[in-house]
Amino acid sequence: MLPNLSARRKSATHAKVEGETAGMSVEFGIVTSVVMPGGWHYQQKLSTGQTVKIEAFSFEDLLSNMLTFRRNHMDLCGAEKANIQAVRVDLKEYLCAHFKQNCADSWTPSPGTPGIGNRADYQRPIDRAGAWIAELGNHRAEKVDYALAGSRAQTCAQCPQNVRWASPCAPCNDNILVKIQQAKGSLYTPLDRRLFMCRIFGHINEVAIWLTDTHSSSEQPPPAPCWKA
């Protein structure tokens, strides 16, 4: 007897509709339509033995934030982990080990928070600072004189957009501090301890004040006194 192909097609179609009705969306073996408990996050292990919690407002942003963090801290995460393929594999393994409802390989319907949060374009200050200092390493840095750098330092130190970039992750902070020292060398102003990160441009003020080209830009206009205005 020939198999009932019509019945099989009907069954397959019915199963697909049930999946869509349940709201299950799967990417790279991960159920993305159910927000994991505590929001989208990943515990990144460092070579120091410590872990850092990377958070995001959506699944896509978590992938992006993980990749950015690893590229900014390759000496702590491993250069072989600083690519999107490794990020996807590690995130799936983490979810399947700790949050079965987000693992497509063992998925069963589970109550969760549908949808994603707002502010999907938000980046932590340390991530912006790390990305900028890493990008700066790809360019030749021409320096300005002490007088101009000192004048810029006074402006930045008094600016409300001069925000702290350091995070609770001490190795991550140290990693960026090393890069700051490499970029600055022996250059110094008395205001260095009051210079942090520019919230408008994303550059590290302690370094940027010395550069003829900061390699930073923003669609948001800076305050009027800004030396980049």
N, C-alpha and C. Protein backbone atom coordinates (compact mmCIF):
# COMPACT_ATOMS: atom_id res chain seq x y z
N MET A 1 0.85 -1.20 0.00
CA MET A 1 0.00 0.00 0.00
C MET A 1 0.88 1.24 0.00
N LEU A 2 0.56 2.20 -0.85
CA LEU A 2 1.32 3.45 -0.92
C LEU A 2 1.06 4.28 0.32
N PRO A 3 2.09 4.98 0.81
CA PRO A 3 1.91 5.82 1.99
C PRO A 3 0.98 6.98 1.68
N ASN A 4 0.26 7.42 2.66
CA ASN A 4 -0.67 8.52 2.51
C ASN A 4 0.10 9.84 2.59
N LEU A 5 0.62 10.29 1.41
CA LEU A 5 1.43 11.50 1.36
C LEU A 5 0.62 12.72 1.76
N SER A 6 -0.66 12.72 1.40
CA SER A 6 -1.52 13.86 1.73
C SER A 6 -1.65 14.02 3.24
N ALA A 7 -1.81 12.89 3.92
CA ALA A 7 -1.94 12.93 5.38
C ALA A 7 -0.66 13.41 6.02
N ARG A 8 0.50 13.00 5.42
CA ARG A 8 1.79 13.42 5.98
C ARG A 8 1.99 14.93 5.82
N ARG A 9 1.62 15.43 4.62
CA ARG A 9 1.76 16.87 4.38
C ARG A 9 0.88 17.63 5.36
N LYS A 10 -0.34 17.12 5.58
CA LYS A 10 -1.27 17.79 6.48
C LYS A 10 -0.73 17.79 7.89
N SER A 11 -0.10 16.64 8.29
CA SER A 11 0.46 16.54 9.64
C SER A 11 1.63 17.49 9.81
N ALA A 12 2.50 17.57 8.78
CA ALA A 12 3.66 18.45 8.85
C ALA A 12 3.23 19.90 8.92
N THR A 13 2.21 20.25 8.11
CA THR A 13 1.71 21.61 8.12
C THR A 13 1.12 21.96 9.47
N HIS A 14 0.41 21.01 10.06
CA HIS A 14 -0.22 21.23 11.36
C HIS A 14 0.85 21.45 12.44
N ALA A 15 1.94 20.66 12.35
CA ALA A 15 3.02 20.80 13.34
C ALA A 15 3.67 22.16 13.21
N LYS A 16 3.85 22.65 11.97
CA LYS A 16 4.47 23.95 11.75
C LYS A 16 3.59 25.05 12.33
N VAL A 17 2.28 24.96 12.10
CA VAL A 17 1.37 25.97 12.61
C VAL A 17 1.39 25.98 14.12
N GLU A 18 1.45 24.79 14.76
CA GLU A 18 1.49 24.72 16.21
C GLU A 18 2.73 25.41 16.74
N GLY A 19 3.87 25.23 16.04
CA GLY A 19 5.10 25.87 16.48
C GLY A 19 4.98 27.37 16.39
N GLU A 20 4.39 27.87 15.32
CA GLU A 20 4.22 29.30 15.15
C GLU A 20 3.24 29.85 16.18
N THR A 21 2.18 29.06 16.46
CA THR A 21 1.20 29.50 17.44
C THR A 21 1.82 29.60 18.81
N ALA A 22 2.70 28.65 19.11
CA ALA A 22 3.37 28.68 20.40
C ALA A 22 4.37 29.82 20.49
N GLY A 23 4.66 30.43 19.36
CA GLY A 23 5.57 31.56 19.36
C GLY A 23 7.03 31.17 19.41
N MET A 24 7.34 29.93 19.01
CA MET A 24 8.73 29.47 19.10
C MET A 24 9.52 29.91 17.88
N SER A 25 10.55 30.69 18.11
CA SER A 25 11.46 31.11 17.06
C SER A 25 12.84 30.58 17.39
N VAL A 26 13.48 29.91 16.43
CA VAL A 26 14.77 29.26 16.69
C VAL A 26 15.85 29.82 15.79
N GLU A 27 16.99 30.16 16.40
CA GLU A 27 18.16 30.61 15.64
C GLU A 27 19.39 29.91 16.20
N PHE A 28 20.15 29.24 15.31
CA PHE A 28 21.38 28.56 15.69
C PHE A 28 21.16 27.55 16.82
N GLY A 29 19.97 26.92 16.82
CA GLY A 29 19.66 25.94 17.84
C GLY A 29 19.23 26.53 19.16
N ILE A 30 18.95 27.83 19.18
CA ILE A 30 18.55 28.53 20.40
C ILE A 30 17.13 29.06 20.24
N VAL A 31 16.28 28.80 21.22
CA VAL A 31 14.92 29.35 21.20
C VAL A 31 14.99 30.81 21.62
N THR A 32 14.73 31.70 20.67
CA THR A 32 14.90 33.14 20.92
C THR A 32 13.60 33.85 21.26
N SER A 33 12.48 33.14 21.15
CA SER A 33 11.18 33.77 21.41
C SER A 33 10.80 33.76 22.88
N VAL A 34 11.61 33.10 23.70
CA VAL A 34 11.38 33.08 25.14
C VAL A 34 12.61 33.69 25.82
N VAL A 35 12.43 34.79 26.51
CA VAL A 35 13.55 35.45 27.18
C VAL A 35 13.99 34.60 28.36
N MET A 36 15.27 34.33 28.46
CA MET A 36 15.79 33.49 29.53
C MET A 36 15.60 34.17 30.89
N PRO A 37 15.43 33.40 31.96
CA PRO A 37 15.25 33.98 33.30
C PRO A 37 16.38 34.94 33.64
N GLY A 38 16.02 36.12 34.11
CA GLY A 38 17.02 37.13 34.43
C GLY A 38 17.41 37.98 33.25
N GLY A 39 16.74 37.78 32.10
CA GLY A 39 17.08 38.55 30.90
C GLY A 39 18.22 37.89 30.14
N TRP A 40 18.44 38.33 28.91
CA TRP A 40 19.48 37.75 28.07
C TRP A 40 20.85 38.05 28.68
N HIS A 41 21.63 36.99 28.95
CA HIS A 41 22.94 37.18 29.53
C HIS A 41 23.82 35.95 29.27
N TYR A 42 25.11 36.12 29.52
CA TYR A 42 26.07 35.02 29.35
C TYR A 42 27.19 35.22 30.36
N GLN A 43 27.60 34.14 31.02
CA GLN A 43 28.70 34.20 31.98
C GLN A 43 30.01 33.89 31.24
N GLN A 44 30.78 34.95 30.96
CA GLN A 44 32.03 34.79 30.22
C GLN A 44 33.17 34.44 31.18
N LYS A 45 33.82 33.31 30.94
CA LYS A 45 34.95 32.90 31.75
C LYS A 45 36.22 33.57 31.23
N LEU A 46 37.04 34.06 32.14
CA LEU A 46 38.29 34.73 31.80
C LEU A 46 39.48 33.83 32.12
N SER A 47 40.62 34.14 31.53
CA SER A 47 41.82 33.35 31.76
C SER A 47 42.31 33.47 33.19
N THR A 48 41.84 34.48 33.92
CA THR A 48 42.21 34.68 35.33
C THR A 48 41.43 33.76 36.26
N GLY A 49 40.43 33.05 35.72
CA GLY A 49 39.59 32.19 36.53
C GLY A 49 38.31 32.87 36.97
N GLN A 50 38.20 34.18 36.71
CA GLN A 50 37.01 34.92 37.07
C GLN A 50 35.97 34.81 35.94
N THR A 51 34.74 35.22 36.24
CA THR A 51 33.69 35.27 35.23
C THR A 51 33.09 36.66 35.19
N VAL A 52 32.63 37.06 34.02
CA VAL A 52 31.99 38.36 33.82
C VAL A 52 30.62 38.13 33.20
N LYS A 53 29.61 38.75 33.75
CA LYS A 53 28.25 38.61 33.22
C LYS A 53 28.04 39.62 32.10
N ILE A 54 27.81 39.14 30.90
CA ILE A 54 27.53 39.99 29.74
C ILE A 54 26.02 40.00 29.54
N GLU A 55 25.43 41.18 29.51
CA GLU A 55 23.98 41.30 29.43
C GLU A 55 23.55 42.03 28.16
N ALA A 56 22.29 41.86 27.78
CA ALA A 56 21.75 42.53 26.60
C ALA A 56 20.23 42.58 26.70
N PHE A 57 19.62 43.36 25.82
CA PHE A 57 18.18 43.52 25.82
C PHE A 57 17.49 42.60 24.81
N SER A 58 18.29 41.90 24.00
CA SER A 58 17.70 40.96 23.04
C SER A 58 18.74 39.89 22.73
N PHE A 59 18.29 38.82 22.10
CA PHE A 59 19.20 37.73 21.72
C PHE A 59 20.27 38.23 20.76
N GLU A 60 19.85 39.01 19.74
CA GLU A 60 20.79 39.52 18.76
C GLU A 60 21.85 40.40 19.42
N ASP A 61 21.42 41.23 20.36
CA ASP A 61 22.36 42.11 21.04
C ASP A 61 23.31 41.33 21.95
N LEU A 62 22.83 40.22 22.50
CA LEU A 62 23.72 39.41 23.33
C LEU A 62 24.85 38.83 22.49
N LEU A 63 24.53 38.34 21.31
CA LEU A 63 25.57 37.86 20.41
C LEU A 63 26.58 38.96 20.11
N SER A 64 26.06 40.15 19.80
CA SER A 64 26.91 41.29 19.47
C SER A 64 27.77 41.71 20.66
N ASN A 65 27.17 41.77 21.85
CA ASN A 65 27.91 42.19 23.04
C ASN A 65 28.99 41.18 23.42
N MET A 66 28.68 39.90 23.25
CA MET A 66 29.68 38.87 23.54
C MET A 66 30.86 38.99 22.59
N LEU A 67 30.55 39.19 21.31
CA LEU A 67 31.62 39.30 20.31
C LEU A 67 32.47 40.54 20.57
N THR A 68 31.82 41.66 20.87
CA THR A 68 32.56 42.89 21.16
C THR A 68 33.45 42.72 22.38
N PHE A 69 32.90 42.14 23.44
CA PHE A 69 33.68 41.93 24.66
C PHE A 69 34.91 41.07 24.37
N ARG A 70 34.73 39.98 23.64
CA ARG A 70 35.85 39.08 23.37
C ARG A 70 36.91 39.73 22.49
N ARG A 71 36.47 40.54 21.53
CA ARG A 71 37.44 41.22 20.67
C ARG A 71 38.21 42.29 21.44
N ASN A 72 37.55 42.91 22.40
CA ASN A 72 38.21 43.95 23.20
C ASN A 72 39.13 43.36 24.27
N HIS A 73 38.90 42.07 24.63
CA HIS A 73 39.67 41.44 25.70
C HIS A 73 40.16 40.06 25.25
N MET A 74 40.82 40.02 24.11
CA MET A 74 41.27 38.73 23.57
C MET A 74 42.29 38.06 24.47
N ASP A 75 43.09 38.85 25.19
CA ASP A 75 44.07 38.24 26.07
C ASP A 75 43.43 37.60 27.29
N LEU A 76 42.18 37.98 27.60
CA LEU A 76 41.46 37.39 28.73
C LEU A 76 40.50 36.28 28.30
N CYS A 77 40.03 36.36 27.05
CA CYS A 77 39.03 35.39 26.56
C CYS A 77 39.61 34.38 25.57
N GLY A 78 40.74 34.72 24.95
CA GLY A 78 41.32 33.86 23.93
C GLY A 78 40.98 34.34 22.54
N ALA A 79 41.98 34.54 21.70
CA ALA A 79 41.75 35.04 20.35
C ALA A 79 40.87 34.10 19.53
N GLU A 80 40.98 32.79 19.82
CA GLU A 80 40.19 31.81 19.06
C GLU A 80 38.70 31.91 19.39
N LYS A 81 38.34 32.62 20.46
CA LYS A 81 36.94 32.78 20.84
C LYS A 81 36.35 34.09 20.32
N ALA A 82 37.17 34.91 19.68
CA ALA A 82 36.72 36.24 19.25
C ALA A 82 36.17 36.24 17.83
N ASN A 83 35.26 35.32 17.55
CA ASN A 83 34.58 35.26 16.26
C ASN A 83 33.14 34.83 16.49
N ILE A 84 32.26 35.17 15.57
CA ILE A 84 30.83 34.97 15.77
C ILE A 84 30.47 33.48 15.85
N GLN A 85 31.22 32.62 15.14
CA GLN A 85 30.91 31.19 15.20
C GLN A 85 31.15 30.65 16.62
N ALA A 86 32.26 31.04 17.24
CA ALA A 86 32.55 30.58 18.59
C ALA A 86 31.54 31.14 19.59
N VAL A 87 31.12 32.38 19.37
CA VAL A 87 30.12 33.00 20.23
C VAL A 87 28.82 32.21 20.20
N ARG A 88 28.37 31.85 19.00
CA ARG A 88 27.11 31.10 18.88
C ARG A 88 27.20 29.74 19.54
N VAL A 89 28.32 29.05 19.33
CA VAL A 89 28.50 27.71 19.92
C VAL A 89 28.50 27.80 21.44
N ASP A 90 29.26 28.76 21.98
CA ASP A 90 29.37 28.88 23.44
C ASP A 90 28.05 29.30 24.07
N LEU A 91 27.32 30.20 23.41
CA LEU A 91 26.04 30.64 23.95
C LEU A 91 25.04 29.48 23.97
N LYS A 92 25.03 28.69 22.90
CA LYS A 92 24.11 27.55 22.86
C LYS A 92 24.45 26.56 23.96
N GLU A 93 25.73 26.27 24.15
CA GLU A 93 26.14 25.32 25.19
C GLU A 93 25.74 25.84 26.57
N TYR A 94 25.90 27.14 26.78
CA TYR A 94 25.55 27.73 28.08
C TYR A 94 24.05 27.62 28.33
N LEU A 95 23.25 27.93 27.31
CA LEU A 95 21.80 27.88 27.45
C LEU A 95 21.31 26.45 27.63
N CYS A 96 21.84 25.54 26.86
CA CYS A 96 21.39 24.14 26.96
C CYS A 96 21.79 23.52 28.30
N ALA A 97 22.85 24.03 28.91
CA ALA A 97 23.29 23.50 30.20
C ALA A 97 22.50 24.08 31.36
N HIS A 98 22.04 25.32 31.22
CA HIS A 98 21.42 26.01 32.35
C HIS A 98 19.95 26.41 32.14
N PHE A 99 19.53 26.58 30.89
CA PHE A 99 18.18 27.07 30.61
C PHE A 99 17.57 26.23 29.48
N LYS A 100 17.03 25.08 29.85
CA LYS A 100 16.54 24.12 28.86
C LYS A 100 15.45 24.71 27.96
N GLN A 101 14.66 25.67 28.50
CA GLN A 101 13.59 26.23 27.69
C GLN A 101 14.12 27.04 26.50
N ASN A 102 15.41 27.39 26.53
CA ASN A 102 16.01 28.14 25.43
C ASN A 102 16.87 27.27 24.53
N CYS A 103 16.86 25.97 24.80
CA CYS A 103 17.65 25.04 24.01
C CYS A 103 16.72 24.29 23.06
N ALA A 104 16.87 24.52 21.76
CA ALA A 104 15.96 23.91 20.78
C ALA A 104 16.10 22.39 20.75
N ASP A 105 17.27 21.88 21.16
CA ASP A 105 17.48 20.43 21.13
C ASP A 105 16.61 19.70 22.15
N SER A 106 16.20 20.42 23.21
CA SER A 106 15.36 19.79 24.24
C SER A 106 14.21 20.70 24.60
N TRP A 107 13.65 21.37 23.58
CA TRP A 107 12.65 22.40 23.85
C TRP A 107 11.29 21.82 24.20
N THR A 108 10.72 22.36 25.27
CA THR A 108 9.33 22.11 25.62
C THR A 108 8.75 23.45 26.00
N PRO A 109 7.46 23.70 25.68
CA PRO A 109 6.87 24.99 25.99
C PRO A 109 7.00 25.32 27.47
N SER A 110 7.44 26.53 27.74
CA SER A 110 7.62 26.97 29.12
C SER A 110 7.23 28.42 29.22
N PRO A 111 6.54 28.81 30.30
CA PRO A 111 6.15 30.19 30.43
C PRO A 111 7.36 31.09 30.49
N GLY A 112 7.30 32.19 29.79
CA GLY A 112 8.41 33.13 29.79
C GLY A 112 7.92 34.49 29.38
N THR A 113 8.84 35.39 29.29
CA THR A 113 8.51 36.76 28.90
C THR A 113 8.70 36.92 27.41
N PRO A 114 7.61 37.06 26.63
CA PRO A 114 7.76 37.17 25.19
C PRO A 114 8.33 38.52 24.81
N GLY A 115 8.92 38.55 23.61
CA GLY A 115 9.39 39.82 23.09
C GLY A 115 10.75 40.18 23.64
N ILE A 116 11.18 41.40 23.33
CA ILE A 116 12.48 41.87 23.76
C ILE A 116 12.31 43.22 24.41
N GLY A 117 13.33 43.64 25.10
CA GLY A 117 13.27 44.91 25.79
C GLY A 117 13.56 46.09 24.88
N ASN A 118 13.61 47.27 25.47
CA ASN A 118 13.91 48.48 24.74
C ASN A 118 15.39 48.80 24.86
N ARG A 119 15.80 49.94 24.31
CA ARG A 119 17.17 50.40 24.35
C ARG A 119 18.12 49.34 23.81
N ALA A 120 17.77 48.75 22.66
CA ALA A 120 18.60 47.68 22.10
C ALA A 120 19.95 48.20 21.62
N ASP A 121 20.11 49.51 21.46
CA ASP A 121 21.35 50.07 20.96
C ASP A 121 22.28 50.47 22.09
N TYR A 122 21.93 50.19 23.33
CA TYR A 122 22.75 50.61 24.47
C TYR A 122 24.03 49.79 24.54
N GLN A 123 25.13 50.48 24.84
CA GLN A 123 26.41 49.83 25.08
C GLN A 123 26.96 50.30 26.41
N ARG A 124 27.51 49.39 27.19
CA ARG A 124 28.12 49.78 28.45
C ARG A 124 29.32 50.68 28.19
N PRO A 125 29.59 51.63 29.07
CA PRO A 125 30.75 52.52 28.88
C PRO A 125 32.05 51.75 28.67
N ILE A 126 32.28 50.67 29.44
CA ILE A 126 33.53 49.94 29.28
C ILE A 126 33.63 49.28 27.90
N ASP A 127 32.49 48.88 27.32
CA ASP A 127 32.51 48.29 25.99
C ASP A 127 32.81 49.34 24.93
N ARG A 128 32.24 50.53 25.09
CA ARG A 128 32.53 51.62 24.15
C ARG A 128 33.99 52.05 24.25
N ALA A 129 34.47 52.18 25.48
CA ALA A 129 35.86 52.58 25.68
C ALA A 129 36.82 51.53 25.11
N GLY A 130 36.51 50.26 25.37
CA GLY A 130 37.36 49.19 24.88
C GLY A 130 37.37 49.11 23.36
N ALA A 131 36.21 49.30 22.74
CA ALA A 131 36.12 49.27 21.28
C ALA A 131 36.92 50.42 20.67
N TRP A 132 36.84 51.59 21.29
CA TRP A 132 37.55 52.75 20.75
C TRP A 132 39.06 52.59 20.86
N ILE A 133 39.55 52.19 22.03
CA ILE A 133 40.99 52.06 22.22
C ILE A 133 41.56 50.94 21.35
N ALA A 134 40.74 49.89 21.10
CA ALA A 134 41.19 48.81 20.22
C ALA A 134 41.26 49.30 18.77
N GLU A 135 40.27 50.08 18.35
CA GLU A 135 40.28 50.63 16.99
C GLU A 135 41.42 51.62 16.80
N LEU A 136 41.73 52.38 17.85
CA LEU A 136 42.81 53.36 17.77
C LEU A 136 44.14 52.69 17.43
N GLY A 137 44.29 51.46 17.88
CA GLY A 137 45.52 50.73 17.60
C GLY A 137 45.72 50.44 16.12
N ASN A 138 44.69 50.60 15.31
CA ASN A 138 44.79 50.37 13.87
C ASN A 138 45.20 51.62 13.10
N HIS A 139 45.40 52.73 13.82
CA HIS A 139 45.71 54.00 13.16
C HIS A 139 47.02 54.59 13.71
N ARG A 140 47.64 55.39 12.89
CA ARG A 140 48.83 56.12 13.34
C ARG A 140 48.34 57.34 14.12
N ALA A 141 48.82 57.49 15.33
CA ALA A 141 48.31 58.55 16.22
C ALA A 141 49.26 59.74 16.24
N GLU A 142 48.88 60.80 15.53
CA GLU A 142 49.64 62.05 15.57
C GLU A 142 49.23 62.82 16.82
N LYS A 143 50.20 63.40 17.51
CA LYS A 143 49.93 64.06 18.78
C LYS A 143 49.95 65.59 18.65
N VAL A 144 49.21 66.25 19.56
CA VAL A 144 49.23 67.72 19.66
C VAL A 144 50.23 68.10 20.75
N ASP A 145 50.47 69.41 20.93
CA ASP A 145 51.44 69.84 21.93
C ASP A 145 50.81 69.87 23.33
N TYR A 146 51.64 70.07 24.34
CA TYR A 146 51.20 70.04 25.74
C TYR A 146 50.17 71.13 26.04
N ALA A 147 50.38 72.30 25.46
CA ALA A 147 49.47 73.41 25.75
C ALA A 147 48.05 73.10 25.28
N LEU A 148 47.93 72.57 24.06
CA LEU A 148 46.60 72.26 23.52
C LEU A 148 45.97 71.10 24.27
N ALA A 149 46.77 70.09 24.58
CA ALA A 149 46.24 68.95 25.34
C ALA A 149 45.76 69.39 26.72
N GLY A 150 46.51 70.29 27.35
CA GLY A 150 46.12 70.78 28.67
C GLY A 150 44.83 71.57 28.63
N SER A 151 44.65 72.37 27.58
CA SER A 151 43.41 73.13 27.41
C SER A 151 42.23 72.19 27.20
N ARG A 152 42.42 71.17 26.41
CA ARG A 152 41.37 70.18 26.17
C ARG A 152 41.03 69.44 27.47
N ALA A 153 42.05 69.11 28.25
CA ALA A 153 41.83 68.40 29.51
C ALA A 153 40.95 69.22 30.45
N GLN A 154 41.17 70.53 30.51
CA GLN A 154 40.35 71.38 31.37
C GLN A 154 38.89 71.36 30.93
N THR A 155 38.68 71.38 29.62
CA THR A 155 37.31 71.33 29.09
C THR A 155 36.63 70.02 29.44
N CYS A 156 37.32 68.90 29.22
CA CYS A 156 36.73 67.59 29.47
C CYS A 156 36.47 67.36 30.95
N ALA A 157 37.40 67.81 31.81
CA ALA A 157 37.25 67.57 33.24
C ALA A 157 36.01 68.25 33.80
N GLN A 158 35.56 69.33 33.17
CA GLN A 158 34.39 70.07 33.65
C GLN A 158 33.11 69.69 32.91
N CYS A 159 33.23 68.80 31.93
CA CYS A 159 32.08 68.47 31.09
C CYS A 159 31.20 67.39 31.73
N PRO A 160 29.87 67.55 31.72
CA PRO A 160 28.98 66.52 32.28
C PRO A 160 28.97 65.23 31.46
N GLN A 161 29.47 65.28 30.23
CA GLN A 161 29.53 64.09 29.38
C GLN A 161 30.80 63.27 29.64
N ASN A 162 31.63 63.70 30.56
CA ASN A 162 32.84 62.99 30.96
C ASN A 162 32.44 61.95 32.01
N VAL A 163 32.19 60.70 31.58
CA VAL A 163 31.63 59.68 32.48
C VAL A 163 32.63 58.55 32.71
N ARG A 164 32.51 57.91 33.86
CA ARG A 164 33.40 56.80 34.20
C ARG A 164 33.10 55.58 33.34
N TRP A 165 34.14 54.93 32.86
CA TRP A 165 33.96 53.76 32.01
C TRP A 165 34.26 52.46 32.76
N ALA A 166 34.96 52.53 33.90
CA ALA A 166 35.37 51.32 34.62
C ALA A 166 34.16 50.50 35.07
N SER A 167 34.33 49.18 35.11
CA SER A 167 33.25 48.25 35.48
C SER A 167 33.68 47.44 36.70
N PRO A 168 32.78 46.61 37.25
CA PRO A 168 33.17 45.74 38.37
C PRO A 168 34.20 44.67 38.00
N CYS A 169 34.44 44.49 36.70
CA CYS A 169 35.40 43.47 36.25
C CYS A 169 36.81 44.05 36.29
N ALA A 170 37.56 43.75 37.35
CA ALA A 170 38.91 44.30 37.52
C ALA A 170 39.86 43.92 36.38
N PRO A 171 39.89 42.65 35.91
CA PRO A 171 40.78 42.31 34.80
C PRO A 171 40.43 43.07 33.52
N CYS A 172 39.12 43.32 33.31
CA CYS A 172 38.70 44.06 32.11
C CYS A 172 39.20 45.50 32.20
N ASN A 173 39.07 46.10 33.38
CA ASN A 173 39.55 47.46 33.59
C ASN A 173 41.06 47.52 33.37
N ASP A 174 41.78 46.57 33.96
CA ASP A 174 43.24 46.55 33.82
C ASP A 174 43.67 46.40 32.37
N ASN A 175 42.90 45.61 31.63
CA ASN A 175 43.21 45.40 30.22
C ASN A 175 43.16 46.72 29.44
N ILE A 176 42.15 47.53 29.72
CA ILE A 176 42.01 48.81 29.03
C ILE A 176 43.06 49.80 29.54
N LEU A 177 43.35 49.76 30.84
CA LEU A 177 44.37 50.67 31.39
C LEU A 177 45.74 50.42 30.74
N VAL A 178 46.05 49.16 30.47
CA VAL A 178 47.31 48.84 29.78
C VAL A 178 47.32 49.46 28.39
N LYS A 179 46.19 49.37 27.69
CA LYS A 179 46.10 49.93 26.33
C LYS A 179 46.17 51.46 26.36
N ILE A 180 45.60 52.06 27.41
CA ILE A 180 45.69 53.51 27.57
C ILE A 180 47.15 53.92 27.72
N GLN A 181 47.88 53.21 28.56
CA GLN A 181 49.29 53.52 28.78
C GLN A 181 50.10 53.34 27.52
N GLN A 182 49.77 52.31 26.75
CA GLN A 182 50.48 52.08 25.48
C GLN A 182 50.22 53.21 24.50
N ALA A 183 48.97 53.72 24.50
CA ALA A 183 48.62 54.80 23.57
C ALA A 183 49.24 56.14 23.98
N LYS A 184 49.33 56.39 25.27
CA LYS A 184 49.83 57.67 25.79
C LYS A 184 51.34 57.73 25.92
N GLY A 185 51.94 56.62 26.29
CA GLY A 185 53.37 56.64 26.59
C GLY A 185 53.61 57.46 27.86
N SER A 186 54.52 58.42 27.78
CA SER A 186 54.87 59.24 28.94
C SER A 186 54.06 60.54 29.01
N LEU A 187 53.10 60.72 28.11
CA LEU A 187 52.30 61.95 28.09
C LEU A 187 51.41 62.02 29.33
N TYR A 188 51.30 63.22 29.89
CA TYR A 188 50.58 63.34 31.15
C TYR A 188 50.12 64.78 31.35
N THR A 189 48.93 64.94 31.98
CA THR A 189 48.47 66.25 32.41
C THR A 189 48.05 66.12 33.88
N PRO A 190 48.08 67.20 34.64
CA PRO A 190 47.66 67.15 36.05
C PRO A 190 46.21 66.75 36.24
N LEU A 191 45.42 66.78 35.16
CA LEU A 191 43.99 66.46 35.25
C LEU A 191 43.66 65.04 34.84
N ASP A 192 44.67 64.23 34.58
CA ASP A 192 44.43 62.87 34.07
C ASP A 192 43.47 62.06 34.94
N ARG A 193 43.57 62.20 36.26
CA ARG A 193 42.71 61.41 37.15
C ARG A 193 41.26 61.83 37.09
N ARG A 194 40.99 62.96 36.47
CA ARG A 194 39.61 63.43 36.34
C ARG A 194 39.06 63.23 34.93
N LEU A 195 39.83 62.56 34.09
CA LEU A 195 39.42 62.31 32.70
C LEU A 195 38.98 60.87 32.55
N PHE A 196 37.77 60.67 32.02
CA PHE A 196 37.21 59.33 31.88
C PHE A 196 36.85 59.05 30.42
N MET A 197 35.58 58.83 30.11
CA MET A 197 35.16 58.56 28.74
C MET A 197 34.13 59.60 28.31
N CYS A 198 34.19 60.01 27.05
CA CYS A 198 33.20 60.95 26.53
C CYS A 198 31.94 60.17 26.15
N ARG A 199 30.82 60.52 26.79
CA ARG A 199 29.57 59.83 26.52
C ARG A 199 29.06 60.13 25.11
N ILE A 200 29.45 61.26 24.55
CA ILE A 200 29.01 61.63 23.19
C ILE A 200 29.79 60.87 22.13
N PHE A 201 31.13 60.91 22.23
CA PHE A 201 31.97 60.35 21.18
C PHE A 201 32.48 58.94 21.48
N GLY A 202 32.42 58.51 22.73
CA GLY A 202 32.86 57.16 23.06
C GLY A 202 34.35 56.99 23.20
N HIS A 203 35.12 58.07 23.10
CA HIS A 203 36.57 57.93 23.25
C HIS A 203 36.99 58.15 24.70
N ILE A 204 38.17 57.70 25.02
CA ILE A 204 38.73 57.87 26.36
C ILE A 204 39.43 59.21 26.40
N ASN A 205 38.92 60.11 27.20
CA ASN A 205 39.40 61.50 27.19
C ASN A 205 40.89 61.62 27.52
N GLU A 206 41.36 60.78 28.42
CA GLU A 206 42.76 60.83 28.84
C GLU A 206 43.71 60.64 27.66
N VAL A 207 43.26 59.91 26.66
CA VAL A 207 44.06 59.67 25.45
C VAL A 207 43.66 60.64 24.34
N ALA A 208 42.36 60.84 24.16
CA ALA A 208 41.85 61.64 23.04
C ALA A 208 42.37 63.08 23.04
N ILE A 209 42.61 63.66 24.21
CA ILE A 209 43.06 65.06 24.27
C ILE A 209 44.40 65.26 23.58
N TRP A 210 45.17 64.19 23.38
CA TRP A 210 46.49 64.29 22.76
C TRP A 210 46.47 64.06 21.25
N LEU A 211 45.33 63.69 20.70
CA LEU A 211 45.30 63.25 19.30
C LEU A 211 44.86 64.35 18.33
N THR A 212 45.52 64.41 17.19
CA THR A 212 45.07 65.33 16.14
C THR A 212 43.79 64.79 15.51
N ASP A 213 43.65 63.46 15.48
CA ASP A 213 42.44 62.82 14.97
C ASP A 213 42.03 61.75 15.98
N THR A 214 40.89 61.96 16.63
CA THR A 214 40.45 61.02 17.67
C THR A 214 39.80 59.75 17.11
N HIS A 215 39.52 59.74 15.81
CA HIS A 215 38.85 58.60 15.19
C HIS A 215 37.56 58.25 15.93
N SER A 216 36.83 59.29 16.30
CA SER A 216 35.54 59.12 16.98
C SER A 216 34.57 60.16 16.44
N SER A 217 33.32 59.77 16.31
CA SER A 217 32.31 60.68 15.78
C SER A 217 30.97 60.36 16.42
N SER A 218 30.01 61.26 16.26
CA SER A 218 28.69 61.06 16.84
C SER A 218 27.66 61.88 16.08
N GLU A 219 26.45 61.31 15.96
CA GLU A 219 25.36 62.06 15.35
C GLU A 219 24.76 63.05 16.34
N GLN A 220 25.02 62.81 17.62
CA GLN A 220 24.53 63.71 18.68
C GLN A 220 25.50 64.86 18.86
N PRO A 221 25.03 66.10 18.81
CA PRO A 221 25.94 67.24 18.94
C PRO A 221 26.51 67.33 20.36
N PRO A 222 27.79 67.67 20.50
CA PRO A 222 28.39 67.82 21.82
C PRO A 222 28.03 69.16 22.44
N PRO A 223 28.29 69.35 23.72
CA PRO A 223 28.03 70.64 24.36
C PRO A 223 28.86 71.74 23.69
N ALA A 224 28.40 72.95 23.75
CA ALA A 224 29.05 74.08 23.07
C ALA A 224 30.53 74.24 23.40
N PRO A 225 30.95 74.09 24.68
CA PRO A 225 32.37 74.30 24.99
C PRO A 225 33.30 73.21 24.47
N CYS A 226 32.75 72.12 23.96
CA CYS A 226 33.56 70.96 23.55
C CYS A 226 34.58 71.35 22.49
N TRP A 227 35.80 70.87 22.64
CA TRP A 227 36.84 71.17 21.66
C TRP A 227 36.67 70.40 20.35
N LYS A 228 35.71 69.45 20.32
CA LYS A 228 35.40 68.75 19.07
C LYS A 228 34.15 69.33 18.40
N ALA A 229 33.53 70.36 19.01
CA ALA A 229 32.31 70.94 18.46
C ALA A 229 32.60 71.67 17.15
